Amino acid sequence: MKKSLRSMAVFLIACVAAVVVGCAQLGQPAPQTFKERLAAGYTTVAGVRDAATNLLSASKISVQDASNIQAQADAVRTGLDIARNLDATGQVAPAGDKLSATLTALGAIQAYLIARQGGQ
């Protein structure tokens, strides 16, 4: 059971990384437009949450780490919502800046999860 959870966590982390980083390498165009990047961000947040839960179940991260990751995912989700709202009100440049900063933070969370998949 523990091995299947670990396999699932590795798979989810790989999928999340592929969405944001490796789309072009998989023959899929990388998200280019604001809306594509925003959608990829929301999808990645969901993947990060799942990966954190699975890594916790596999004892690859502590309860405190999992809680912290979930809080960071909440903050990223809020950042994505703000970017979406800025774009909806015609504030294109600030929306793009907010989205870029938020996706950078999301990338840092992903990097941490990928590093943790190998062991604690």
PDB file of N, CA and C in Angstrom:
ATOM      1  N   MET A   1       0.831  -1.193   0.000  1.00  0.00           N
ATOM      2  CA  MET A   1       0.000   0.000   0.000  1.00  0.00           C
ATOM      3  C   MET A   1       0.877   1.259   0.000  1.00  0.00           C
ATOM      4  N   LYS A   2       1.909   1.255   0.854  1.00  0.00           N
ATOM      5  CA  LYS A   2       2.784   2.410   0.947  1.00  0.00           C
ATOM      6  C   LYS A   2       3.505   2.647  -0.380  1.00  0.00           C
ATOM      7  N   LYS A   3       3.907   1.552  -1.039  1.00  0.00           N
ATOM      8  CA  LYS A   3       4.610   1.679  -2.312  1.00  0.00           C
ATOM      9  C   LYS A   3       3.693   2.257  -3.380  1.00  0.00           C
ATOM     10  N   SER A   4       2.418   1.866  -3.378  1.00  0.00           N
ATOM     11  CA  SER A   4       1.487   2.407  -4.377  1.00  0.00           C
ATOM     12  C   SER A   4       1.230   3.889  -4.126  1.00  0.00           C
ATOM     13  N   LEU A   5       1.190   4.302  -2.871  1.00  0.00           N
ATOM     14  CA  LEU A   5       1.035   5.727  -2.569  1.00  0.00           C
ATOM     15  C   LEU A   5       2.253   6.500  -3.044  1.00  0.00           C
ATOM     16  N   ARG A   6       3.423   5.931  -2.847  1.00  0.00           N
ATOM     17  CA  ARG A   6       4.642   6.589  -3.301  1.00  0.00           C
ATOM     18  C   ARG A   6       4.629   6.704  -4.825  1.00  0.00           C
ATOM     19  N   SER A   7       4.240   5.637  -5.490  1.00  0.00           N
ATOM     20  CA  SER A   7       4.168   5.660  -6.954  1.00  0.00           C
ATOM     21  C   SER A   7       3.173   6.710  -7.421  1.00  0.00           C
ATOM     22  N   MET A   8       2.043   6.808  -6.739  1.00  0.00           N
ATOM     23  CA  MET A   8       1.038   7.793  -7.102  1.00  0.00           C
ATOM     24  C   MET A   8       1.570   9.207  -6.893  1.00  0.00           C
ATOM     25  N   ALA A   9       2.274   9.419  -5.790  1.00  0.00           N
ATOM     26  CA  ALA A   9       2.836  10.747  -5.518  1.00  0.00           C
ATOM     27  C   ALA A   9       3.858  11.128  -6.579  1.00  0.00           C
ATOM     28  N   VAL A  10       4.704  10.184  -6.937  1.00  0.00           N
ATOM     29  CA  VAL A  10       5.704  10.446  -7.975  1.00  0.00           C
ATOM     30  C   VAL A  10       5.013  10.769  -9.292  1.00  0.00           C
ATOM     31  N   PHE A  11       3.978  10.003  -9.618  1.00  0.00           N
ATOM     32  CA  PHE A  11       3.239  10.236 -10.859  1.00  0.00           C
ATOM     33  C   PHE A  11       2.584  11.614 -10.858  1.00  0.00           C
ATOM     34  N   LEU A  12       1.934  11.977  -9.763  1.00  0.00           N
ATOM     35  CA  LEU A  12       1.272  13.283  -9.690  1.00  0.00           C
ATOM     36  C   LEU A  12       2.274  14.428  -9.793  1.00  0.00           C
ATOM     37  N   ILE A  13       3.386  14.299  -9.135  1.00  0.00           N
ATOM     38  CA  ILE A  13       4.395  15.353  -9.204  1.00  0.00           C
ATOM     39  C   ILE A  13       4.926  15.473 -10.625  1.00  0.00           C
ATOM     40  N   ALA A  14       5.143  14.350 -11.252  1.00  0.00           N
ATOM     41  CA  ALA A  14       5.613  14.380 -12.636  1.00  0.00           C
ATOM     42  C   ALA A  14       4.585  15.036 -13.551  1.00  0.00           C
ATOM     43  N   CYS A  15       3.314  14.743 -13.324  1.00  0.00           N
ATOM     44  CA  CYS A  15       2.253  15.357 -14.139  1.00  0.00           C
ATOM     45  C   CYS A  15       2.189  16.859 -13.933  1.00  0.00           C
ATOM     46  N   VAL A  16       2.273  17.277 -12.684  1.00  0.00           N
ATOM     47  CA  VAL A  16       2.227  18.705 -12.383  1.00  0.00           C
ATOM     48  C   VAL A  16       3.404  19.422 -13.037  1.00  0.00           C
ATOM     49  N   ALA A  17       4.574  18.850 -12.905  1.00  0.00           N
ATOM     50  CA  ALA A  17       5.750  19.464 -13.518  1.00  0.00           C
ATOM     51  C   ALA A  17       5.611  19.521 -15.032  1.00  0.00           C
ATOM     52  N   ALA A  18       5.045  18.489 -15.611  1.00  0.00           N
ATOM     53  CA  ALA A  18       4.874  18.462 -17.067  1.00  0.00           C
ATOM     54  C   ALA A  18       3.922  19.542 -17.544  1.00  0.00           C
ATOM     55  N   VAL A  19       2.884  19.824 -16.777  1.00  0.00           N
ATOM     56  CA  VAL A  19       1.917  20.839 -17.186  1.00  0.00           C
ATOM     57  C   VAL A  19       2.566  22.207 -17.296  1.00  0.00           C
ATOM     58  N   VAL A  20       3.364  22.559 -16.302  1.00  0.00           N
ATOM     59  CA  VAL A  20       3.925  23.898 -16.277  1.00  0.00           C
ATOM     60  C   VAL A  20       5.242  24.011 -17.039  1.00  0.00           C
ATOM     61  N   VAL A  21       6.073  23.004 -16.927  1.00  0.00           N
ATOM     62  CA  VAL A  21       7.417  23.102 -17.472  1.00  0.00           C
ATOM     63  C   VAL A  21       7.584  22.375 -18.802  1.00  0.00           C
ATOM     64  N   GLY A  22       6.988  21.209 -18.928  1.00  0.00           N
ATOM     65  CA  GLY A  22       7.344  20.363 -20.049  1.00  0.00           C
ATOM     66  C   GLY A  22       6.333  20.186 -21.142  1.00  0.00           C
ATOM     67  N   CYS A  23       5.336  21.032 -21.237  1.00  0.00           N
ATOM     68  CA  CYS A  23       4.312  20.852 -22.262  1.00  0.00           C
ATOM     69  C   CYS A  23       4.921  20.792 -23.660  1.00  0.00           C
ATOM     70  N   ALA A  24       5.817  21.666 -23.955  1.00  0.00           N
ATOM     71  CA  ALA A  24       6.415  21.707 -25.290  1.00  0.00           C
ATOM     72  C   ALA A  24       7.185  20.423 -25.579  1.00  0.00           C
ATOM     73  N   GLN A  25       7.847  19.871 -24.574  1.00  0.00           N
ATOM     74  CA  GLN A  25       8.610  18.647 -24.761  1.00  0.00           C
ATOM     75  C   GLN A  25       7.702  17.448 -25.014  1.00  0.00           C
ATOM     76  N   LEU A  26       6.459  17.538 -24.590  1.00  0.00           N
ATOM     77  CA  LEU A  26       5.506  16.450 -24.778  1.00  0.00           C
ATOM     78  C   LEU A  26       4.712  16.614 -26.065  1.00  0.00           C
ATOM     79  N   GLY A  27       5.102  17.574 -26.876  1.00  0.00           N
ATOM     80  CA  GLY A  27       4.394  17.798 -28.130  1.00  0.00           C
ATOM     81  C   GLY A  27       3.190  18.713 -27.987  1.00  0.00           C
ATOM     82  N   GLN A  28       2.951  19.199 -26.812  1.00  0.00           N
ATOM     83  CA  GLN A  28       1.856  20.126 -26.564  1.00  0.00           C
ATOM     84  C   GLN A  28       2.430  21.526 -26.428  1.00  0.00           C
ATOM     85  N   PRO A  29       1.758  22.499 -26.979  1.00  0.00           N
ATOM     86  CA  PRO A  29       2.262  23.858 -26.814  1.00  0.00           C
ATOM     87  C   PRO A  29       2.178  24.291 -25.348  1.00  0.00           C
ATOM     88  N   ALA A  30       3.198  24.987 -24.900  1.00  0.00           N
ATOM     89  CA  ALA A  30       3.186  25.520 -23.536  1.00  0.00           C
ATOM     90  C   ALA A  30       2.121  26.607 -23.453  1.00  0.00           C
ATOM     91  N   PRO A  31       1.523  26.769 -22.291  1.00  0.00           N
ATOM     92  CA  PRO A  31       0.521  27.832 -22.147  1.00  0.00           C
ATOM     93  C   PRO A  31       1.137  29.185 -22.502  1.00  0.00           C
ATOM     94  N   GLN A  32       0.510  29.910 -23.409  1.00  0.00           N
ATOM     95  CA  GLN A  32       1.045  31.184 -23.875  1.00  0.00           C
ATOM     96  C   GLN A  32       0.187  32.361 -23.442  1.00  0.00           C
ATOM     97  N   THR A  33      -1.100  32.252 -23.637  1.00  0.00           N
ATOM     98  CA  THR A  33      -1.971  33.390 -23.337  1.00  0.00           C
ATOM     99  C   THR A  33      -2.183  33.498 -21.832  1.00  0.00           C
ATOM    100  N   PHE A  34      -2.666  34.641 -21.440  1.00  0.00           N
ATOM    101  CA  PHE A  34      -2.969  34.859 -20.028  1.00  0.00           C
ATOM    102  C   PHE A  34      -3.911  33.776 -19.523  1.00  0.00           C
ATOM    103  N   LYS A  35      -4.986  33.532 -20.252  1.00  0.00           N
ATOM    104  CA  LYS A  35      -5.988  32.559 -19.798  1.00  0.00           C
ATOM    105  C   LYS A  35      -5.432  31.138 -19.765  1.00  0.00           C
ATOM    106  N   GLU A  36      -4.587  30.785 -20.717  1.00  0.00           N
ATOM    107  CA  GLU A  36      -3.959  29.460 -20.700  1.00  0.00           C
ATOM    108  C   GLU A  36      -3.039  29.319 -19.500  1.00  0.00           C
ATOM    109  N   ARG A  37      -2.246  30.342 -19.237  1.00  0.00           N
ATOM    110  CA  ARG A  37      -1.327  30.305 -18.098  1.00  0.00           C
ATOM    111  C   ARG A  37      -2.104  30.270 -16.777  1.00  0.00           C
ATOM    112  N   LEU A  38      -3.196  31.024 -16.722  1.00  0.00           N
ATOM    113  CA  LEU A  38      -4.035  31.036 -15.527  1.00  0.00           C
ATOM    114  C   LEU A  38      -4.637  29.652 -15.289  1.00  0.00           C
ATOM    115  N   ALA A  39      -5.176  29.053 -16.337  1.00  0.00           N
ATOM    116  CA  ALA A  39      -5.776  27.716 -16.210  1.00  0.00           C
ATOM    117  C   ALA A  39      -4.727  26.692 -15.781  1.00  0.00           C
ATOM    118  N   ALA A  40      -3.537  26.777 -16.354  1.00  0.00           N
ATOM    119  CA  ALA A  40      -2.459  25.865 -15.959  1.00  0.00           C
ATOM    120  C   ALA A  40      -2.103  26.071 -14.490  1.00  0.00           C
ATOM    121  N   GLY A  41      -2.138  27.315 -14.036  1.00  0.00           N
ATOM    122  CA  GLY A  41      -1.862  27.602 -12.625  1.00  0.00           C
ATOM    123  C   GLY A  41      -2.874  26.950 -11.704  1.00  0.00           C
ATOM    124  N   TYR A  42      -4.163  27.095 -12.028  1.00  0.00           N
ATOM    125  CA  TYR A  42      -5.198  26.465 -11.199  1.00  0.00           C
ATOM    126  C   TYR A  42      -5.051  24.943 -11.200  1.00  0.00           C
ATOM    127  N   THR A  43      -4.758  24.370 -12.348  1.00  0.00           N
ATOM    128  CA  THR A  43      -4.572  22.925 -12.442  1.00  0.00           C
ATOM    129  C   THR A  43      -3.375  22.485 -11.612  1.00  0.00           C
ATOM    130  N   THR A  44      -2.324  23.263 -11.667  1.00  0.00           N
ATOM    131  CA  THR A  44      -1.114  22.925 -10.929  1.00  0.00           C
ATOM    132  C   THR A  44      -1.334  23.027  -9.428  1.00  0.00           C
ATOM    133  N   VAL A  45      -2.111  24.012  -8.979  1.00  0.00           N
ATOM    134  CA  VAL A  45      -2.422  24.125  -7.550  1.00  0.00           C
ATOM    135  C   VAL A  45      -3.121  22.853  -7.076  1.00  0.00           C
ATOM    136  N   ALA A  46      -4.067  22.373  -7.859  1.00  0.00           N
ATOM    137  CA  ALA A  46      -4.764  21.138  -7.486  1.00  0.00           C
ATOM    138  C   ALA A  46      -3.787  19.968  -7.420  1.00  0.00           C
ATOM    139  N   GLY A  47      -2.870  19.903  -8.379  1.00  0.00           N
ATOM    140  CA  GLY A  47      -1.864  18.843  -8.382  1.00  0.00           C
ATOM    141  C   GLY A  47      -0.918  18.932  -7.192  1.00  0.00           C
ATOM    142  N   VAL A  48      -0.552  20.154  -6.830  1.00  0.00           N
ATOM    143  CA  VAL A  48       0.320  20.358  -5.668  1.00  0.00           C
ATOM    144  C   VAL A  48      -0.372  19.868  -4.404  1.00  0.00           C
ATOM    145  N   ARG A  49      -1.644  20.185  -4.268  1.00  0.00           N
ATOM    146  CA  ARG A  49      -2.390  19.736  -3.086  1.00  0.00           C
ATOM    147  C   ARG A  49      -2.424  18.200  -3.023  1.00  0.00           C
ATOM    148  N   ASP A  50      -2.721  17.578  -4.146  1.00  0.00           N
ATOM    149  CA  ASP A  50      -2.769  16.115  -4.185  1.00  0.00           C
ATOM    150  C   ASP A  50      -1.401  15.509  -3.901  1.00  0.00           C
ATOM    151  N   ALA A  51      -0.369  16.082  -4.500  1.00  0.00           N
ATOM    152  CA  ALA A  51       0.987  15.567  -4.295  1.00  0.00           C
ATOM    153  C   ALA A  51       1.392  15.677  -2.825  1.00  0.00           C
ATOM    154  N   ALA A  52       1.057  16.796  -2.196  1.00  0.00           N
ATOM    155  CA  ALA A  52       1.399  16.969  -0.774  1.00  0.00           C
ATOM    156  C   ALA A  52       0.689  15.925   0.082  1.00  0.00           C
ATOM    157  N   THR A  53      -0.570  15.688  -0.211  1.00  0.00           N
ATOM    158  CA  THR A  53      -1.328  14.677   0.534  1.00  0.00           C
ATOM    159  C   THR A  53      -0.709  13.300   0.347  1.00  0.00           C
ATOM    160  N   ASN A  54      -0.351  12.977  -0.888  1.00  0.00           N
ATOM    161  CA  ASN A  54       0.237  11.666  -1.160  1.00  0.00           C
ATOM    162  C   ASN A  54       1.626  11.521  -0.555  1.00  0.00           C
ATOM    163  N   LEU A  55       2.417  12.574  -0.581  1.00  0.00           N
ATOM    164  CA  LEU A  55       3.737  12.518   0.034  1.00  0.00           C
ATOM    165  C   LEU A  55       3.627  12.380   1.548  1.00  0.00           C
ATOM    166  N   LEU A  56       2.638  13.017   2.136  1.00  0.00           N
ATOM    167  CA  LEU A  56       2.400  12.861   3.572  1.00  0.00           C
ATOM    168  C   LEU A  56       2.020  11.420   3.880  1.00  0.00           C
ATOM    169  N   SER A  57       1.129  10.858   3.088  1.00  0.00           N
ATOM    170  CA  SER A  57       0.708   9.469   3.288  1.00  0.00           C
ATOM    171  C   SER A  57       1.872   8.501   3.137  1.00  0.00           C
ATOM    172  N   ALA A  58       2.810   8.847   2.281  1.00  0.00           N
ATOM    173  CA  ALA A  58       3.986   8.002   2.061  1.00  0.00           C
ATOM    174  C   ALA A  58       5.127   8.331   3.024  1.00  0.00           C
ATOM    175  N   SER A  59       4.862   9.187   4.003  1.00  0.00           N
ATOM    176  CA  SER A  59       5.857   9.606   4.998  1.00  0.00           C
ATOM    177  C   SER A  59       7.083  10.262   4.384  1.00  0.00           C
ATOM    178  N   LYS A  60       6.876  10.960   3.262  1.00  0.00           N
ATOM    179  CA  LYS A  60       7.966  11.689   2.617  1.00  0.00           C
ATOM    180  C   LYS A  60       8.051  13.130   3.117  1.00  0.00           C
ATOM    181  N   ILE A  61       6.963  13.623   3.683  1.00  0.00           N
ATOM    182  CA  ILE A  61       6.939  14.945   4.303  1.00  0.00           C
ATOM    183  C   ILE A  61       6.213  14.834   5.637  1.00  0.00           C
ATOM    184  N   SER A  62       6.467  15.791   6.510  1.00  0.00           N
ATOM    185  CA  SER A  62       5.830  15.786   7.829  1.00  0.00           C
ATOM    186  C   SER A  62       4.448  16.427   7.747  1.00  0.00           C
ATOM    187  N   VAL A  63       3.701  16.255   8.805  1.00  0.00           N
ATOM    188  CA  VAL A  63       2.385  16.892   8.895  1.00  0.00           C
ATOM    189  C   VAL A  63       2.540  18.405   8.804  1.00  0.00           C
ATOM    190  N   GLN A  64       3.565  18.940   9.461  1.00  0.00           N
ATOM    191  CA  GLN A  64       3.811  20.379   9.414  1.00  0.00           C
ATOM    192  C   GLN A  64       4.127  20.834   7.986  1.00  0.00           C
ATOM    193  N   ASP A  65       4.947  20.063   7.278  1.00  0.00           N
ATOM    194  CA  ASP A  65       5.251  20.389   5.880  1.00  0.00           C
ATOM    195  C   ASP A  65       3.982  20.374   5.039  1.00  0.00           C
ATOM    196  N   ALA A  66       3.173  19.345   5.202  1.00  0.00           N
ATOM    197  CA  ALA A  66       1.939  19.229   4.421  1.00  0.00           C
ATOM    198  C   ALA A  66       1.011  20.401   4.705  1.00  0.00           C
ATOM    199  N   SER A  67       0.907  20.783   5.960  1.00  0.00           N
ATOM    200  CA  SER A  67       0.073  21.924   6.335  1.00  0.00           C
ATOM    201  C   SER A  67       0.602  23.212   5.717  1.00  0.00           C
ATOM    202  N   ASN A  68       1.916  23.378   5.750  1.00  0.00           N
ATOM    203  CA  ASN A  68       2.548  24.554   5.166  1.00  0.00           C
ATOM    204  C   ASN A  68       2.326  24.597   3.654  1.00  0.00           C
ATOM    205  N   ILE A  69       2.464  23.465   2.997  1.00  0.00           N
ATOM    206  CA  ILE A  69       2.247  23.405   1.551  1.00  0.00           C
ATOM    207  C   ILE A  69       0.797  23.760   1.219  1.00  0.00           C
ATOM    208  N   GLN A  70      -0.136  23.259   2.006  1.00  0.00           N
ATOM    209  CA  GLN A  70      -1.547  23.584   1.761  1.00  0.00           C
ATOM    210  C   GLN A  70      -1.800  25.084   1.950  1.00  0.00           C
ATOM    211  N   ALA A  71      -1.166  25.688   2.960  1.00  0.00           N
ATOM    212  CA  ALA A  71      -1.302  27.135   3.179  1.00  0.00           C
ATOM    213  C   ALA A  71      -0.696  27.917   2.016  1.00  0.00           C
ATOM    214  N   GLN A  72       0.440  27.456   1.528  1.00  0.00           N
ATOM    215  CA  GLN A  72       1.055  28.111   0.376  1.00  0.00           C
ATOM    216  C   GLN A  72       0.180  27.949  -0.867  1.00  0.00           C
ATOM    217  N   ALA A  73      -0.422  26.784  -1.020  1.00  0.00           N
ATOM    218  CA  ALA A  73      -1.333  26.566  -2.145  1.00  0.00           C
ATOM    219  C   ALA A  73      -2.535  27.506  -2.048  1.00  0.00           C
ATOM    220  N   ASP A  74      -3.016  27.746  -0.824  1.00  0.00           N
ATOM    221  CA  ASP A  74      -4.109  28.718  -0.628  1.00  0.00           C
ATOM    222  C   ASP A  74      -3.675  30.104  -1.089  1.00  0.00           C
ATOM    223  N   ALA A  75      -2.441  30.491  -0.715  1.00  0.00           N
ATOM    224  CA  ALA A  75      -1.930  31.810  -1.095  1.00  0.00           C
ATOM    225  C   ALA A  75      -1.771  31.919  -2.609  1.00  0.00           C
ATOM    226  N   VAL A  76      -1.298  30.852  -3.239  1.00  0.00           N
ATOM    227  CA  VAL A  76      -1.154  30.858  -4.694  1.00  0.00           C
ATOM    228  C   VAL A  76      -2.524  30.960  -5.350  1.00  0.00           C
ATOM    229  N   ARG A  77      -3.476  30.222  -4.839  1.00  0.00           N
ATOM    230  CA  ARG A  77      -4.850  30.276  -5.391  1.00  0.00           C
ATOM    231  C   ARG A  77      -5.391  31.705  -5.277  1.00  0.00           C
ATOM    232  N   THR A  78      -5.152  32.353  -4.157  1.00  0.00           N
ATOM    233  CA  THR A  78      -5.582  33.741  -3.982  1.00  0.00           C
ATOM    234  C   THR A  78      -4.886  34.639  -5.010  1.00  0.00           C
ATOM    235  N   GLY A  79      -3.597  34.423  -5.224  1.00  0.00           N
ATOM    236  CA  GLY A  79      -2.865  35.198  -6.224  1.00  0.00           C
ATOM    237  C   GLY A  79      -3.435  35.003  -7.621  1.00  0.00           C
ATOM    238  N   LEU A  80      -3.791  33.764  -7.958  1.00  0.00           N
ATOM    239  CA  LEU A  80      -4.406  33.497  -9.260  1.00  0.00           C
ATOM    240  C   LEU A  80      -5.755  34.199  -9.379  1.00  0.00           C
ATOM    241  N   ASP A  81      -6.526  34.177  -8.303  1.00  0.00           N
ATOM    242  CA  ASP A  81      -7.821  34.864  -8.306  1.00  0.00           C
ATOM    243  C   ASP A  81      -7.649  36.370  -8.505  1.00  0.00           C
ATOM    244  N   ILE A  82      -6.659  36.949  -7.847  1.00  0.00           N
ATOM    245  CA  ILE A  82      -6.389  38.381  -7.994  1.00  0.00           C
ATOM    246  C   ILE A  82      -5.988  38.696  -9.431  1.00  0.00           C
ATOM    247  N   ALA A  83      -5.105  37.880  -9.993  1.00  0.00           N
ATOM    248  CA  ALA A  83      -4.689  38.088 -11.382  1.00  0.00           C
ATOM    249  C   ALA A  83      -5.894  38.011 -12.320  1.00  0.00           C
ATOM    250  N   ARG A  84      -6.749  37.028 -12.105  1.00  0.00           N
ATOM    251  CA  ARG A  84      -7.949  36.872 -12.935  1.00  0.00           C
ATOM    252  C   ARG A  84      -8.855  38.100 -12.815  1.00  0.00           C
ATOM    253  N   ASN A  85      -9.035  38.598 -11.604  1.00  0.00           N
ATOM    254  CA  ASN A  85      -9.888  39.768 -11.391  1.00  0.00           C
ATOM    255  C   ASN A  85      -9.284  41.028 -12.009  1.00  0.00           C
ATOM    256  N   LEU A  86      -7.974  41.176 -11.912  1.00  0.00           N
ATOM    257  CA  LEU A  86      -7.314  42.324 -12.548  1.00  0.00           C
ATOM    258  C   LEU A  86      -7.522  42.279 -14.058  1.00  0.00           C
ATOM    259  N   ASP A  87      -7.364  41.109 -14.638  1.00  0.00           N
ATOM    260  CA  ASP A  87      -7.559  40.954 -16.076  1.00  0.00           C
ATOM    261  C   ASP A  87      -9.004  41.255 -16.465  1.00  0.00           C
ATOM    262  N   ALA A  88      -9.938  40.791 -15.659  1.00  0.00           N
ATOM    263  CA  ALA A  88     -11.356  41.004 -15.952  1.00  0.00           C
ATOM    264  C   ALA A  88     -11.741  42.474 -15.922  1.00  0.00           C
ATOM    265  N   THR A  89     -10.996  43.280 -15.175  1.00  0.00           N
ATOM    266  CA  THR A  89     -11.297  44.714 -15.093  1.00  0.00           C
ATOM    267  C   THR A  89     -10.426  45.536 -16.043  1.00  0.00           C
ATOM    268  N   GLY A  90      -9.744  44.843 -16.958  1.00  0.00           N
ATOM    269  CA  GLY A  90      -8.969  45.539 -17.979  1.00  0.00           C
ATOM    270  C   GLY A  90      -7.584  45.965 -17.572  1.00  0.00           C
ATOM    271  N   GLN A  91      -7.141  45.548 -16.408  1.00  0.00           N
ATOM    272  CA  GLN A  91      -5.806  45.906 -15.932  1.00  0.00           C
ATOM    273  C   GLN A  91      -4.818  44.818 -16.380  1.00  0.00           C
ATOM    274  N   VAL A  92      -4.549  44.819 -17.678  1.00  0.00           N
ATOM    275  CA  VAL A  92      -3.811  43.736 -18.312  1.00  0.00           C
ATOM    276  C   VAL A  92      -2.372  43.620 -17.791  1.00  0.00           C
ATOM    277  N   ALA A  93      -1.651  44.709 -17.739  1.00  0.00           N
ATOM    278  CA  ALA A  93      -0.251  44.650 -17.297  1.00  0.00           C
ATOM    279  C   ALA A  93      -0.131  44.193 -15.842  1.00  0.00           C
ATOM    280  N   PRO A  94      -0.888  44.806 -14.910  1.00  0.00           N
ATOM    281  CA  PRO A  94      -0.799  44.315 -13.527  1.00  0.00           C
ATOM    282  C   PRO A  94      -1.247  42.859 -13.398  1.00  0.00           C
ATOM    283  N   ALA A  95      -2.227  42.464 -14.188  1.00  0.00           N
ATOM    284  CA  ALA A  95      -2.695  41.073 -14.146  1.00  0.00           C
ATOM    285  C   ALA A  95      -1.582  40.130 -14.587  1.00  0.00           C
ATOM    286  N   GLY A  96      -0.889  40.484 -15.650  1.00  0.00           N
ATOM    287  CA  GLY A  96       0.216  39.659 -16.133  1.00  0.00           C
ATOM    288  C   GLY A  96       1.346  39.584 -15.136  1.00  0.00           C
ATOM    289  N   ASP A  97       1.653  40.713 -14.506  1.00  0.00           N
ATOM    290  CA  ASP A  97       2.709  40.735 -13.491  1.00  0.00           C
ATOM    291  C   ASP A  97       2.339  39.857 -12.295  1.00  0.00           C
ATOM    292  N   LYS A  98       1.093  39.976 -11.842  1.00  0.00           N
ATOM    293  CA  LYS A  98       0.627  39.179 -10.701  1.00  0.00           C
ATOM    294  C   LYS A  98       0.649  37.697 -11.052  1.00  0.00           C
ATOM    295  N   LEU A  99       0.216  37.371 -12.262  1.00  0.00           N
ATOM    296  CA  LEU A  99       0.211  35.977 -12.684  1.00  0.00           C
ATOM    297  C   LEU A  99       1.635  35.425 -12.735  1.00  0.00           C
ATOM    298  N   SER A 100       2.556  36.187 -13.303  1.00  0.00           N
ATOM    299  CA  SER A 100       3.954  35.727 -13.384  1.00  0.00           C
ATOM    300  C   SER A 100       4.551  35.492 -11.998  1.00  0.00           C
ATOM    301  N   ALA A 101       4.320  36.424 -11.094  1.00  0.00           N
ATOM    302  CA  ALA A 101       4.843  36.281  -9.730  1.00  0.00           C
ATOM    303  C   ALA A 101       4.223  35.077  -9.031  1.00  0.00           C
ATOM    304  N   THR A 102       2.943  34.884  -9.235  1.00  0.00           N
ATOM    305  CA  THR A 102       2.233  33.774  -8.604  1.00  0.00           C
ATOM    306  C   THR A 102       2.721  32.437  -9.157  1.00  0.00           C
ATOM    307  N   LEU A 103       2.937  32.372 -10.462  1.00  0.00           N
ATOM    308  CA  LEU A 103       3.433  31.131 -11.062  1.00  0.00           C
ATOM    309  C   LEU A 103       4.869  30.831 -10.619  1.00  0.00           C
ATOM    310  N   THR A 104       5.653  31.870 -10.356  1.00  0.00           N
ATOM    311  CA  THR A 104       6.997  31.673  -9.829  1.00  0.00           C
ATOM    312  C   THR A 104       6.931  31.029  -8.440  1.00  0.00           C
ATOM    313  N   ALA A 105       6.038  31.533  -7.602  1.00  0.00           N
ATOM    314  CA  ALA A 105       5.859  30.952  -6.268  1.00  0.00           C
ATOM    315  C   ALA A 105       5.386  29.504  -6.373  1.00  0.00           C
ATOM    316  N   LEU A 106       4.494  29.251  -7.301  1.00  0.00           N
ATOM    317  CA  LEU A 106       3.992  27.899  -7.508  1.00  0.00           C
ATOM    318  C   LEU A 106       5.125  26.970  -7.955  1.00  0.00           C
ATOM    319  N   GLY A 107       5.998  27.471  -8.796  1.00  0.00           N
ATOM    320  CA  GLY A 107       7.154  26.687  -9.237  1.00  0.00           C
ATOM    321  C   GLY A 107       8.062  26.311  -8.077  1.00  0.00           C
ATOM    322  N   ALA A 108       8.209  27.216  -7.120  1.00  0.00           N
ATOM    323  CA  ALA A 108       9.035  26.923  -5.941  1.00  0.00           C
ATOM    324  C   ALA A 108       8.414  25.806  -5.100  1.00  0.00           C
ATOM    325  N   ILE A 109       7.102  25.820  -4.973  1.00  0.00           N
ATOM    326  CA  ILE A 109       6.418  24.751  -4.227  1.00  0.00           C
ATOM    327  C   ILE A 109       6.617  23.423  -4.947  1.00  0.00           C
ATOM    328  N   GLN A 110       6.471  23.447  -6.259  1.00  0.00           N
ATOM    329  CA  GLN A 110       6.669  22.230  -7.046  1.00  0.00           C
ATOM    330  C   GLN A 110       8.085  21.689  -6.871  1.00  0.00           C
ATOM    331  N   ALA A 111       9.069  22.559  -6.929  1.00  0.00           N
ATOM    332  CA  ALA A 111      10.466  22.131  -6.785  1.00  0.00           C
ATOM    333  C   ALA A 111      10.677  21.465  -5.426  1.00  0.00           C
ATOM    334  N   TYR A 112      10.078  22.023  -4.391  1.00  0.00           N
ATOM    335  CA  TYR A 112      10.189  21.428  -3.063  1.00  0.00           C
ATOM    336  C   TYR A 112       9.582  20.031  -3.046  1.00  0.00           C
ATOM    337  N   LEU A 113       8.399  19.897  -3.618  1.00  0.00           N
ATOM    338  CA  LEU A 113       7.735  18.591  -3.637  1.00  0.00           C
ATOM    339  C   LEU A 113       8.533  17.561  -4.439  1.00  0.00           C
ATOM    340  N   ILE A 114       9.092  17.991  -5.540  1.00  0.00           N
ATOM    341  CA  ILE A 114       9.900  17.081  -6.350  1.00  0.00           C
ATOM    342  C   ILE A 114      11.127  16.625  -5.572  1.00  0.00           C
ATOM    343  N   ALA A 115      11.739  17.549  -4.850  1.00  0.00           N
ATOM    344  CA  ALA A 115      12.909  17.194  -4.036  1.00  0.00           C
ATOM    345  C   ALA A 115      12.543  16.221  -2.927  1.00  0.00           C
ATOM    346  N   ARG A 116      11.351  16.387  -2.371  1.00  0.00           N
ATOM    347  CA  ARG A 116      10.923  15.534  -1.253  1.00  0.00           C
ATOM    348  C   ARG A 116      10.529  14.136  -1.700  1.00  0.00           C
ATOM    349  N   GLN A 117      10.196  13.966  -2.948  1.00  0.00           N
ATOM    350  CA  GLN A 117       9.750  12.647  -3.399  1.00  0.00           C
ATOM    351  C   GLN A 117      10.842  11.596  -3.263  1.00  0.00           C
ATOM    352  N   GLY A 118      12.097  12.034  -3.252  1.00  0.00           N
ATOM    353  CA  GLY A 118      13.202  11.086  -3.139  1.00  0.00           C
ATOM    354  C   GLY A 118      13.471  10.607  -1.728  1.00  0.00           C
ATOM    355  N   GLY A 119      12.918  11.243  -0.752  1.00  0.00           N
ATOM    356  CA  GLY A 119      13.128  10.822   0.635  1.00  0.00           C
ATOM    357  C   GLY A 119      13.286  12.000   1.556  1.00  0.00           C
ATOM    358  N   GLN A 120      13.146  11.753   2.834  1.00  0.00           N
ATOM    359  CA  GLN A 120      13.170  12.814   3.817  1.00  0.00           C
ATOM    360  C   GLN A 120      14.504  12.940   4.455  1.00  0.00           C
TER     361      GLN A 120
END
